[in-house]
Amino acid sequence: MQIQTLDATEILTRDEDIAYIMECIADVECCSIVGVSNMGKSVLLRSVCRPEVKQRYLGPQADDYTFVYIDFNLMLEMTEQGFYSWAWWPRP
């Protein structure tokens, strides 16, 4: 399984998109992230899950939310047992 890291430029270039997603979350509304392959949807969603991004957009309510990002493309290679081991394994 390959883990992709983010740098600050990847987060900042999607500021408008992140702001919209966080606004929907704060307003308890749905939103969809759709697009062609390699457009940056996964990077965007991983950015939203970062604690400093949550804090920036949600302020004092940031700790009220837990975001879980699962790349289902990776699930094609994983057994059911492997998925649960991965999903519940503590991460920094």
Foldseek 3Di string as FASTA:
>chain_A
DDDDDDDPVLLVVCVVVLLVVLVCVVVVHDDDDDDDPPPCSLVNLVSNQDQVSLCVRVPPCSVVDHDDDDDCVVVVVDDPVRVVCVRPPDDD
